Amino acid sequence: IVLHLPMLVHAHHMMGNRLVGMPMDPWMHLGMALILLGVP
């Protein structure tokens, strides 16, 4: 979950809190992989 925050911080400062249309960065992909591992 923490690895998803950099993209949100970037959107807050540069995009007015908007993420629509933005591609997921490598940190978000890694974060989702950790969550998929951590939940089970």
PDB file of all heavy atoms in Angstrom:
ATOM      1  N   ILE A   1       0.839  -1.212   0.000  1.00  0.00           N
ATOM      2  CA  ILE A   1       0.000   0.000   0.000  1.00  0.00           C
ATOM      3  C   ILE A   1       0.862   1.244   0.000  1.00  0.00           C
ATOM      4  O   ILE A   1       0.589   2.217  -0.723  1.00  0.00           O
ATOM      5  CB  ILE A   1      -0.940  -0.026   1.216  1.00  0.00           C
ATOM      6  CG1 ILE A   1      -1.951  -1.166   1.076  1.00  0.00           C
ATOM      7  CG2 ILE A   1      -1.679   1.308   1.366  1.00  0.00           C
ATOM      8  CD1 ILE A   1      -2.793  -1.409   2.289  1.00  0.00           C
ATOM      9  N   VAL A   2       1.951   1.237   0.784  1.00  0.00           N
ATOM     10  CA  VAL A   2       2.845   2.393   0.832  1.00  0.00           C
ATOM     11  C   VAL A   2       3.455   2.674  -0.543  1.00  0.00           C
ATOM     12  O   VAL A   2       3.647   3.839  -0.927  1.00  0.00           O
ATOM     13  CB  VAL A   2       3.950   2.163   1.886  1.00  0.00           C
ATOM     14  CG1 VAL A   2       5.035   3.233   1.786  1.00  0.00           C
ATOM     15  CG2 VAL A   2       3.344   2.171   3.287  1.00  0.00           C
ATOM     16  N   LEU A   3       3.729   1.625  -1.312  1.00  0.00           N
ATOM     17  CA  LEU A   3       4.313   1.813  -2.641  1.00  0.00           C
ATOM     18  C   LEU A   3       3.335   2.463  -3.625  1.00  0.00           C
ATOM     19  O   LEU A   3       3.763   2.886  -4.713  1.00  0.00           O
ATOM     20  CB  LEU A   3       4.799   0.470  -3.192  1.00  0.00           C
ATOM     21  CG  LEU A   3       6.056  -0.109  -2.513  1.00  0.00           C
ATOM     22  CD1 LEU A   3       6.354  -1.500  -3.043  1.00  0.00           C
ATOM     23  CD2 LEU A   3       7.242   0.825  -2.746  1.00  0.00           C
ATOM     24  N   HIS A   4       2.063   2.524  -3.277  1.00  0.00           N
ATOM     25  CA  HIS A   4       1.100   3.240  -4.122  1.00  0.00           C
ATOM     26  C   HIS A   4       1.103   4.748  -3.846  1.00  0.00           C
ATOM     27  O   HIS A   4       0.552   5.525  -4.640  1.00  0.00           O
ATOM     28  CB  HIS A   4      -0.318   2.698  -3.892  1.00  0.00           C
ATOM     29  CG  HIS A   4      -0.581   1.384  -4.558  1.00  0.00           C
ATOM     30  ND1 HIS A   4      -0.052   0.204  -4.094  1.00  0.00           N
ATOM     31  CD2 HIS A   4      -1.322   1.060  -5.661  1.00  0.00           C
ATOM     32  CE1 HIS A   4      -0.462  -0.793  -4.877  1.00  0.00           C
ATOM     33  NE2 HIS A   4      -1.230  -0.307  -5.818  1.00  0.00           N
ATOM     34  N   LEU A   5       1.679   5.147  -2.732  1.00  0.00           N
ATOM     35  CA  LEU A   5       1.590   6.550  -2.328  1.00  0.00           C
ATOM     36  C   LEU A   5       2.390   7.514  -3.209  1.00  0.00           C
ATOM     37  O   LEU A   5       1.944   8.649  -3.421  1.00  0.00           O
ATOM     38  CB  LEU A   5       2.022   6.699  -0.868  1.00  0.00           C
ATOM     39  CG  LEU A   5       1.148   5.954   0.154  1.00  0.00           C
ATOM     40  CD1 LEU A   5       1.647   6.219   1.569  1.00  0.00           C
ATOM     41  CD2 LEU A   5      -0.304   6.353   0.013  1.00  0.00           C
ATOM     42  N   PRO A   6       3.595   7.149  -3.723  1.00  0.00           N
ATOM     43  CA  PRO A   6       4.321   8.127  -4.559  1.00  0.00           C
ATOM     44  C   PRO A   6       3.506   8.639  -5.740  1.00  0.00           C
ATOM     45  O   PRO A   6       3.550   9.840  -6.056  1.00  0.00           O
ATOM     46  CB  PRO A   6       5.550   7.322  -5.020  1.00  0.00           C
ATOM     47  CG  PRO A   6       5.783   6.335  -3.927  1.00  0.00           C
ATOM     48  CD  PRO A   6       4.409   5.938  -3.470  1.00  0.00           C
ATOM     49  N   MET A   7       2.770   7.773  -6.375  1.00  0.00           N
ATOM     50  CA  MET A   7       1.956   8.207  -7.513  1.00  0.00           C
ATOM     51  C   MET A   7       0.843   9.140  -7.052  1.00  0.00           C
ATOM     52  O   MET A   7       0.507  10.121  -7.739  1.00  0.00           O
ATOM     53  CB  MET A   7       1.376   6.988  -8.232  1.00  0.00           C
ATOM     54  CG  MET A   7       0.736   7.291  -9.574  1.00  0.00           C
ATOM     55  SD  MET A   7       0.384   5.775 -10.497  1.00  0.00           S
ATOM     56  CE  MET A   7      -0.463   6.465 -11.919  1.00  0.00           C
ATOM     57  N   LEU A   8       0.280   8.867  -5.876  1.00  0.00           N
ATOM     58  CA  LEU A   8      -0.753   9.757  -5.342  1.00  0.00           C
ATOM     59  C   LEU A   8      -0.173  11.102  -4.954  1.00  0.00           C
ATOM     60  O   LEU A   8      -0.806  12.144  -5.169  1.00  0.00           O
ATOM     61  CB  LEU A   8      -1.406   9.090  -4.122  1.00  0.00           C
ATOM     62  CG  LEU A   8      -2.381   7.961  -4.411  1.00  0.00           C
ATOM     63  CD1 LEU A   8      -2.707   7.194  -3.139  1.00  0.00           C
ATOM     64  CD2 LEU A   8      -3.660   8.495  -5.042  1.00  0.00           C
ATOM     65  N   VAL A   9       1.021  11.106  -4.381  1.00  0.00           N
ATOM     66  CA  VAL A   9       1.674  12.374  -4.023  1.00  0.00           C
ATOM     67  C   VAL A   9       1.961  13.188  -5.284  1.00  0.00           C
ATOM     68  O   VAL A   9       1.754  14.415  -5.318  1.00  0.00           O
ATOM     69  CB  VAL A   9       2.969  12.095  -3.238  1.00  0.00           C
ATOM     70  CG1 VAL A   9       3.764  13.389  -3.036  1.00  0.00           C
ATOM     71  CG2 VAL A   9       2.648  11.455  -1.894  1.00  0.00           C
ATOM     72  N   HIS A  10       2.434  12.508  -6.325  1.00  0.00           N
ATOM     73  CA  HIS A  10       2.693  13.197  -7.597  1.00  0.00           C
ATOM     74  C   HIS A  10       1.397  13.799  -8.155  1.00  0.00           C
ATOM     75  O   HIS A  10       1.380  14.949  -8.618  1.00  0.00           O
ATOM     76  CB  HIS A  10       3.287  12.212  -8.597  1.00  0.00           C
ATOM     77  CG  HIS A  10       3.444  12.767  -9.978  1.00  0.00           C
ATOM     78  ND1 HIS A  10       4.438  13.676 -10.319  1.00  0.00           N
ATOM     79  CD2 HIS A  10       2.710  12.565 -11.121  1.00  0.00           C
ATOM     80  CE1 HIS A  10       4.318  14.004 -11.602  1.00  0.00           C
ATOM     81  NE2 HIS A  10       3.279  13.334 -12.110  1.00  0.00           N
ATOM     82  N   ALA A  11       0.317  13.027  -8.097  1.00  0.00           N
ATOM     83  CA  ALA A  11      -0.965  13.531  -8.600  1.00  0.00           C
ATOM     84  C   ALA A  11      -1.453  14.708  -7.766  1.00  0.00           C
ATOM     85  O   ALA A  11      -2.071  15.647  -8.296  1.00  0.00           O
ATOM     86  CB  ALA A  11      -2.003  12.408  -8.589  1.00  0.00           C
ATOM     87  N   HIS A  12      -1.191  14.684  -6.469  1.00  0.00           N
ATOM     88  CA  HIS A  12      -1.629  15.784  -5.597  1.00  0.00           C
ATOM     89  C   HIS A  12      -0.927  17.077  -5.957  1.00  0.00           C
ATOM     90  O   HIS A  12      -1.545  18.151  -6.012  1.00  0.00           O
ATOM     91  CB  HIS A  12      -1.357  15.414  -4.142  1.00  0.00           C
ATOM     92  CG  HIS A  12      -1.629  16.527  -3.171  1.00  0.00           C
ATOM     93  ND1 HIS A  12      -2.890  17.036  -2.966  1.00  0.00           N
ATOM     94  CD2 HIS A  12      -0.787  17.249  -2.373  1.00  0.00           C
ATOM     95  CE1 HIS A  12      -2.834  18.014  -2.068  1.00  0.00           C
ATOM     96  NE2 HIS A  12      -1.567  18.162  -1.701  1.00  0.00           N
ATOM     97  N   HIS A  13       0.377  17.007  -6.234  1.00  0.00           N
ATOM     98  CA  HIS A  13       1.156  18.218  -6.500  1.00  0.00           C
ATOM     99  C   HIS A  13       1.054  18.693  -7.950  1.00  0.00           C
ATOM    100  O   HIS A  13       1.104  19.900  -8.216  1.00  0.00           O
ATOM    101  CB  HIS A  13       2.625  17.985  -6.152  1.00  0.00           C
ATOM    102  CG  HIS A  13       2.875  17.846  -4.674  1.00  0.00           C
ATOM    103  ND1 HIS A  13       2.639  18.864  -3.786  1.00  0.00           N
ATOM    104  CD2 HIS A  13       3.330  16.795  -3.947  1.00  0.00           C
ATOM    105  CE1 HIS A  13       2.943  18.463  -2.554  1.00  0.00           C
ATOM    106  NE2 HIS A  13       3.356  17.208  -2.623  1.00  0.00           N
ATOM    107  N   MET A  14       0.912  17.739  -8.887  1.00  0.00           N
ATOM    108  CA  MET A  14       1.010  18.095 -10.304  1.00  0.00           C
ATOM    109  C   MET A  14      -0.308  18.008 -11.052  1.00  0.00           C
ATOM    110  O   MET A  14      -0.479  18.686 -12.069  1.00  0.00           O
ATOM    111  CB  MET A  14       2.023  17.162 -10.986  1.00  0.00           C
ATOM    112  CG  MET A  14       3.392  17.127 -10.331  1.00  0.00           C
ATOM    113  SD  MET A  14       4.245  18.733 -10.385  1.00  0.00           S
ATOM    114  CE  MET A  14       4.476  18.903 -12.158  1.00  0.00           C
ATOM    115  N   MET A  15      -1.253  17.200 -10.572  1.00  0.00           N
ATOM    116  CA  MET A  15      -2.448  16.909 -11.363  1.00  0.00           C
ATOM    117  C   MET A  15      -3.748  17.273 -10.644  1.00  0.00           C
ATOM    118  O   MET A  15      -4.817  16.881 -11.095  1.00  0.00           O
ATOM    119  CB  MET A  15      -2.486  15.414 -11.717  1.00  0.00           C
ATOM    120  CG  MET A  15      -1.211  14.872 -12.340  1.00  0.00           C
ATOM    121  SD  MET A  15      -0.946  15.504 -14.006  1.00  0.00           S
ATOM    122  CE  MET A  15      -2.286  14.698 -14.876  1.00  0.00           C
ATOM    123  N   GLY A  16      -3.666  17.983  -9.530  1.00  0.00           N
ATOM    124  CA  GLY A  16      -4.892  18.328  -8.804  1.00  0.00           C
ATOM    125  C   GLY A  16      -5.624  17.112  -8.267  1.00  0.00           C
ATOM    126  O   GLY A  16      -6.854  17.050  -8.302  1.00  0.00           O
ATOM    127  N   ASN A  17      -4.870  16.126  -7.776  1.00  0.00           N
ATOM    128  CA  ASN A  17      -5.410  14.887  -7.203  1.00  0.00           C
ATOM    129  C   ASN A  17      -6.112  13.999  -8.232  1.00  0.00           C
ATOM    130  O   ASN A  17      -6.919  13.148  -7.868  1.00  0.00           O
ATOM    131  CB  ASN A  17      -6.378  15.183  -6.048  1.00  0.00           C
ATOM    132  CG  ASN A  17      -5.706  15.876  -4.886  1.00  0.00           C
ATOM    133  OD1 ASN A  17      -4.672  15.422  -4.403  1.00  0.00           O
ATOM    134  ND2 ASN A  17      -6.280  16.993  -4.444  1.00  0.00           N
ATOM    135  N   ARG A  18      -5.794  14.164  -9.493  1.00  0.00           N
ATOM    136  CA  ARG A  18      -6.438  13.372 -10.542  1.00  0.00           C
ATOM    137  C   ARG A  18      -5.468  12.301 -11.053  1.00  0.00           C
ATOM    138  O   ARG A  18      -4.321  12.602 -11.402  1.00  0.00           O
ATOM    139  CB  ARG A  18      -6.882  14.265 -11.704  1.00  0.00           C
ATOM    140  CG  ARG A  18      -7.948  15.279 -11.301  1.00  0.00           C
ATOM    141  CD  ARG A  18      -8.197  16.271 -12.434  1.00  0.00           C
ATOM    142  NE  ARG A  18      -8.764  15.632 -13.596  1.00  0.00           N
ATOM    143  CZ  ARG A  18     -10.071  15.505 -13.824  1.00  0.00           C
ATOM    144  NH1 ARG A  18     -10.946  15.990 -12.939  1.00  0.00           N
ATOM    145  NH2 ARG A  18     -10.518  14.922 -14.906  1.00  0.00           N
ATOM    146  N   LEU A  19      -5.928  11.069 -11.114  1.00  0.00           N
ATOM    147  CA  LEU A  19      -5.132   9.954 -11.626  1.00  0.00           C
ATOM    148  C   LEU A  19      -5.673   9.393 -12.932  1.00  0.00           C
ATOM    149  O   LEU A  19      -5.035   8.531 -13.536  1.00  0.00           O
ATOM    150  CB  LEU A  19      -5.088   8.814 -10.599  1.00  0.00           C
ATOM    151  CG  LEU A  19      -4.275   9.044  -9.320  1.00  0.00           C
ATOM    152  CD1 LEU A  19      -4.414   7.836  -8.390  1.00  0.00           C
ATOM    153  CD2 LEU A  19      -2.815   9.275  -9.640  1.00  0.00           C
ATOM    154  N   VAL A  20      -6.842   9.862 -13.378  1.00  0.00           N
ATOM    155  CA  VAL A  20      -7.472   9.296 -14.557  1.00  0.00           C
ATOM    156  C   VAL A  20      -6.546   9.416 -15.760  1.00  0.00           C
ATOM    157  O   VAL A  20      -5.950  10.460 -16.021  1.00  0.00           O
ATOM    158  CB  VAL A  20      -8.825   9.999 -14.845  1.00  0.00           C
ATOM    159  CG1 VAL A  20      -8.649  11.483 -15.079  1.00  0.00           C
ATOM    160  CG2 VAL A  20      -9.532   9.327 -16.019  1.00  0.00           C
ATOM    161  N   GLY A  21      -6.387   8.300 -16.466  1.00  0.00           N
ATOM    162  CA  GLY A  21      -5.558   8.281 -17.660  1.00  0.00           C
ATOM    163  C   GLY A  21      -4.080   8.090 -17.409  1.00  0.00           C
ATOM    164  O   GLY A  21      -3.315   7.882 -18.354  1.00  0.00           O
ATOM    165  N   MET A  22      -3.644   8.119 -16.153  1.00  0.00           N
ATOM    166  CA  MET A  22      -2.224   7.943 -15.850  1.00  0.00           C
ATOM    167  C   MET A  22      -1.870   6.456 -15.841  1.00  0.00           C
ATOM    168  O   MET A  22      -2.601   5.652 -15.273  1.00  0.00           O
ATOM    169  CB  MET A  22      -1.880   8.557 -14.485  1.00  0.00           C
ATOM    170  CG  MET A  22      -1.960  10.069 -14.436  1.00  0.00           C
ATOM    171  SD  MET A  22      -1.550  10.704 -12.774  1.00  0.00           S
ATOM    172  CE  MET A  22       0.162  10.153 -12.621  1.00  0.00           C
ATOM    173  N   PRO A  23      -0.763   6.073 -16.477  1.00  0.00           N
ATOM    174  CA  PRO A  23      -0.350   4.664 -16.405  1.00  0.00           C
ATOM    175  C   PRO A  23       0.203   4.339 -15.016  1.00  0.00           C
ATOM    176  O   PRO A  23       0.767   5.197 -14.339  1.00  0.00           O
ATOM    177  CB  PRO A  23       0.741   4.574 -17.475  1.00  0.00           C
ATOM    178  CG  PRO A  23       1.303   5.967 -17.554  1.00  0.00           C
ATOM    179  CD  PRO A  23       0.143   6.892 -17.292  1.00  0.00           C
ATOM    180  N   MET A  24       0.035   3.101 -14.607  1.00  0.00           N
ATOM    181  CA  MET A  24       0.562   2.678 -13.315  1.00  0.00           C
ATOM    182  C   MET A  24       2.080   2.583 -13.396  1.00  0.00           C
ATOM    183  O   MET A  24       2.630   1.975 -14.315  1.00  0.00           O
ATOM    184  CB  MET A  24      -0.035   1.325 -12.929  1.00  0.00           C
ATOM    185  CG  MET A  24      -1.538   1.371 -12.667  1.00  0.00           C
ATOM    186  SD  MET A  24      -2.259  -0.266 -12.355  1.00  0.00           S
ATOM    187  CE  MET A  24      -1.431  -0.721 -10.841  1.00  0.00           C
ATOM    188  N   ASP A  25       2.766   3.201 -12.421  1.00  0.00           N
ATOM    189  CA  ASP A  25       4.228   3.184 -12.448  1.00  0.00           C
ATOM    190  C   ASP A  25       4.755   1.856 -11.889  1.00  0.00           C
ATOM    191  O   ASP A  25       4.001   1.048 -11.326  1.00  0.00           O
ATOM    192  CB  ASP A  25       4.800   4.384 -11.683  1.00  0.00           C
ATOM    193  CG  ASP A  25       4.439   4.376 -10.199  1.00  0.00           C
ATOM    194  OD1 ASP A  25       4.094   3.307  -9.673  1.00  0.00           O
ATOM    195  OD2 ASP A  25       4.516   5.444  -9.576  1.00  0.00           O
ATOM    196  N   PRO A  26       6.067   1.591 -12.041  1.00  0.00           N
ATOM    197  CA  PRO A  26       6.625   0.311 -11.560  1.00  0.00           C
ATOM    198  C   PRO A  26       6.421   0.078 -10.064  1.00  0.00           C
ATOM    199  O   PRO A  26       6.255  -1.069  -9.623  1.00  0.00           O
ATOM    200  CB  PRO A  26       8.117   0.430 -11.903  1.00  0.00           C
ATOM    201  CG  PRO A  26       8.171   1.399 -13.046  1.00  0.00           C
ATOM    202  CD  PRO A  26       7.071   2.364 -12.788  1.00  0.00           C
ATOM    203  N   TRP A  27       6.440   1.158  -9.257  1.00  0.00           N
ATOM    204  CA  TRP A  27       6.241   0.999  -7.816  1.00  0.00           C
ATOM    205  C   TRP A  27       4.840   0.482  -7.502  1.00  0.00           C
ATOM    206  O   TRP A  27       4.652  -0.336  -6.590  1.00  0.00           O
ATOM    207  CB  TRP A  27       6.481   2.321  -7.095  1.00  0.00           C
ATOM    208  CG  TRP A  27       7.905   2.778  -7.136  1.00  0.00           C
ATOM    209  CD1 TRP A  27       8.411   3.876  -7.772  1.00  0.00           C
ATOM    210  CD2 TRP A  27       9.029   2.117  -6.528  1.00  0.00           C
ATOM    211  NE1 TRP A  27       9.761   3.962  -7.607  1.00  0.00           N
ATOM    212  CE2 TRP A  27      10.180   2.885  -6.833  1.00  0.00           C
ATOM    213  CE3 TRP A  27       9.191   0.956  -5.780  1.00  0.00           C
ATOM    214  CZ2 TRP A  27      11.456   2.535  -6.409  1.00  0.00           C
ATOM    215  CZ3 TRP A  27      10.460   0.603  -5.351  1.00  0.00           C
ATOM    216  CH2 TRP A  27      11.563   1.376  -5.648  1.00  0.00           C
ATOM    217  N   MET A  28       3.837   0.934  -8.261  1.00  0.00           N
ATOM    218  CA  MET A  28       2.477   0.448  -8.047  1.00  0.00           C
ATOM    219  C   MET A  28       2.351  -1.023  -8.428  1.00  0.00           C
ATOM    220  O   MET A  28       1.681  -1.800  -7.740  1.00  0.00           O
ATOM    221  CB  MET A  28       1.474   1.294  -8.837  1.00  0.00           C
ATOM    222  CG  MET A  28       1.266   2.697  -8.287  1.00  0.00           C
ATOM    223  SD  MET A  28      -0.025   3.613  -9.156  1.00  0.00           S
ATOM    224  CE  MET A  28      -1.487   2.751  -8.612  1.00  0.00           C
ATOM    225  N   HIS A  29       3.024  -1.409  -9.532  1.00  0.00           N
ATOM    226  CA  HIS A  29       2.986  -2.822  -9.917  1.00  0.00           C
ATOM    227  C   HIS A  29       3.643  -3.692  -8.843  1.00  0.00           C
ATOM    228  O   HIS A  29       3.137  -4.775  -8.504  1.00  0.00           O
ATOM    229  CB  HIS A  29       3.699  -3.014 -11.263  1.00  0.00           C
ATOM    230  CG  HIS A  29       2.878  -2.604 -12.436  1.00  0.00           C
ATOM    231  ND1 HIS A  29       3.084  -1.439 -13.136  1.00  0.00           N
ATOM    232  CD2 HIS A  29       1.809  -3.202 -13.036  1.00  0.00           C
ATOM    233  CE1 HIS A  29       2.204  -1.332 -14.110  1.00  0.00           C
ATOM    234  NE2 HIS A  29       1.414  -2.396 -14.078  1.00  0.00           N
ATOM    235  N   LEU A  30       4.773  -3.226  -8.302  1.00  0.00           N
ATOM    236  CA  LEU A  30       5.428  -3.964  -7.234  1.00  0.00           C
ATOM    237  C   LEU A  30       4.539  -4.019  -5.994  1.00  0.00           C
ATOM    238  O   LEU A  30       4.439  -5.056  -5.319  1.00  0.00           O
ATOM    239  CB  LEU A  30       6.773  -3.310  -6.899  1.00  0.00           C
ATOM    240  CG  LEU A  30       7.552  -3.929  -5.726  1.00  0.00           C
ATOM    241  CD1 LEU A  30       7.854  -5.402  -5.994  1.00  0.00           C
ATOM    242  CD2 LEU A  30       8.833  -3.139  -5.465  1.00  0.00           C
ATOM    243  N   GLY A  31       3.877  -2.890  -5.695  1.00  0.00           N
ATOM    244  CA  GLY A  31       2.977  -2.850  -4.540  1.00  0.00           C
ATOM    245  C   GLY A  31       1.829  -3.829  -4.670  1.00  0.00           C
ATOM    246  O   GLY A  31       1.481  -4.530  -3.699  1.00  0.00           O
ATOM    247  N   MET A  32       1.246  -3.911  -5.861  1.00  0.00           N
ATOM    248  CA  MET A  32       0.147  -4.860  -6.059  1.00  0.00           C
ATOM    249  C   MET A  32       0.635  -6.299  -5.930  1.00  0.00           C
ATOM    250  O   MET A  32      -0.071  -7.167  -5.377  1.00  0.00           O
ATOM    251  CB  MET A  32      -0.498  -4.637  -7.431  1.00  0.00           C
ATOM    252  CG  MET A  32      -1.240  -3.311  -7.547  1.00  0.00           C
ATOM    253  SD  MET A  32      -2.243  -3.183  -9.035  1.00  0.00           S
ATOM    254  CE  MET A  32      -3.600  -4.262  -8.639  1.00  0.00           C
ATOM    255  N   ALA A  33       1.852  -6.572  -6.396  1.00  0.00           N
ATOM    256  CA  ALA A  33       2.406  -7.920  -6.260  1.00  0.00           C
ATOM    257  C   ALA A  33       2.603  -8.282  -4.788  1.00  0.00           C
ATOM    258  O   ALA A  33       2.308  -9.411  -4.369  1.00  0.00           O
ATOM    259  CB  ALA A  33       3.739  -8.012  -7.014  1.00  0.00           C
ATOM    260  N   LEU A  34       3.079  -7.316  -3.987  1.00  0.00           N
ATOM    261  CA  LEU A  34       3.265  -7.576  -2.557  1.00  0.00           C
ATOM    262  C   LEU A  34       1.930  -7.822  -1.853  1.00  0.00           C
ATOM    263  O   LEU A  34       1.823  -8.673  -0.967  1.00  0.00           O
ATOM    264  CB  LEU A  34       3.989  -6.392  -1.908  1.00  0.00           C
ATOM    265  CG  LEU A  34       5.493  -6.305  -2.184  1.00  0.00           C
ATOM    266  CD1 LEU A  34       6.059  -4.998  -1.625  1.00  0.00           C
ATOM    267  CD2 LEU A  34       6.224  -7.492  -1.584  1.00  0.00           C
ATOM    268  N   ILE A  35       0.904  -7.080  -2.259  1.00  0.00           N
ATOM    269  CA  ILE A  35      -0.424  -7.274  -1.660  1.00  0.00           C
ATOM    270  C   ILE A  35      -0.982  -8.644  -2.032  1.00  0.00           C
ATOM    271  O   ILE A  35      -1.535  -9.361  -1.186  1.00  0.00           O
ATOM    272  CB  ILE A  35      -1.372  -6.150  -2.105  1.00  0.00           C
ATOM    273  CG1 ILE A  35      -0.940  -4.815  -1.477  1.00  0.00           C
ATOM    274  CG2 ILE A  35      -2.815  -6.465  -1.710  1.00  0.00           C
ATOM    275  CD1 ILE A  35      -1.679  -3.615  -2.010  1.00  0.00           C
ATOM    276  N   LEU A  36      -0.814  -9.029  -3.301  1.00  0.00           N
ATOM    277  CA  LEU A  36      -1.289 -10.346  -3.733  1.00  0.00           C
ATOM    278  C   LEU A  36      -0.548 -11.468  -3.020  1.00  0.00           C
ATOM    279  O   LEU A  36      -1.108 -12.560  -2.814  1.00  0.00           O
ATOM    280  CB  LEU A  36      -1.114 -10.484  -5.247  1.00  0.00           C
ATOM    281  CG  LEU A  36      -2.050  -9.629  -6.109  1.00  0.00           C
ATOM    282  CD1 LEU A  36      -1.677  -9.746  -7.583  1.00  0.00           C
ATOM    283  CD2 LEU A  36      -3.497 -10.044  -5.896  1.00  0.00           C
ATOM    284  N   LEU A  37       0.698 -11.234  -2.639  1.00  0.00           N
ATOM    285  CA  LEU A  37       1.447 -12.213  -1.860  1.00  0.00           C
ATOM    286  C   LEU A  37       1.050 -12.170  -0.384  1.00  0.00           C
ATOM    287  O   LEU A  37       0.897 -13.205   0.264  1.00  0.00           O
ATOM    288  CB  LEU A  37       2.948 -11.939  -1.996  1.00  0.00           C
ATOM    289  CG  LEU A  37       3.880 -12.754  -1.072  1.00  0.00           C
ATOM    290  CD1 LEU A  37       3.836 -14.242  -1.455  1.00  0.00           C
ATOM    291  CD2 LEU A  37       5.304 -12.213  -1.147  1.00  0.00           C
ATOM    292  N   GLY A  38       0.867 -10.962   0.148  1.00  0.00           N
ATOM    293  CA  GLY A  38       0.627 -10.792   1.575  1.00  0.00           C
ATOM    294  C   GLY A  38      -0.739 -11.257   2.038  1.00  0.00           C
ATOM    295  O   GLY A  38      -0.870 -11.796   3.146  1.00  0.00           O
ATOM    296  N   VAL A  39      -1.777 -11.065   1.216  1.00  0.00           N
ATOM    297  CA  VAL A  39      -3.127 -11.416   1.651  1.00  0.00           C
ATOM    298  C   VAL A  39      -3.268 -12.923   1.929  1.00  0.00           C
ATOM    299  O   VAL A  39      -3.688 -13.315   3.016  1.00  0.00           O
ATOM    300  CB  VAL A  39      -4.184 -10.938   0.628  1.00  0.00           C
ATOM    301  CG1 VAL A  39      -5.546 -11.543   0.934  1.00  0.00           C
ATOM    302  CG2 VAL A  39      -4.278  -9.415   0.646  1.00  0.00           C
ATOM    303  N   PRO A  40      -2.917 -13.808   0.984  1.00  0.00           N
ATOM    304  CA  PRO A  40      -3.045 -15.241   1.316  1.00  0.00           C
ATOM    305  C   PRO A  40      -2.095 -15.676   2.425  1.00  0.00           C
ATOM    306  O   PRO A  40      -2.433 -16.565   3.221  1.00  0.00           O
ATOM    307  CB  PRO A  40      -2.714 -15.942  -0.008  1.00  0.00           C
ATOM    308  CG  PRO A  40      -1.980 -14.942  -0.824  1.00  0.00           C
ATOM    309  CD  PRO A  40      -2.502 -13.609  -0.419  1.00  0.00           C
TER     310      PRO A  40
END
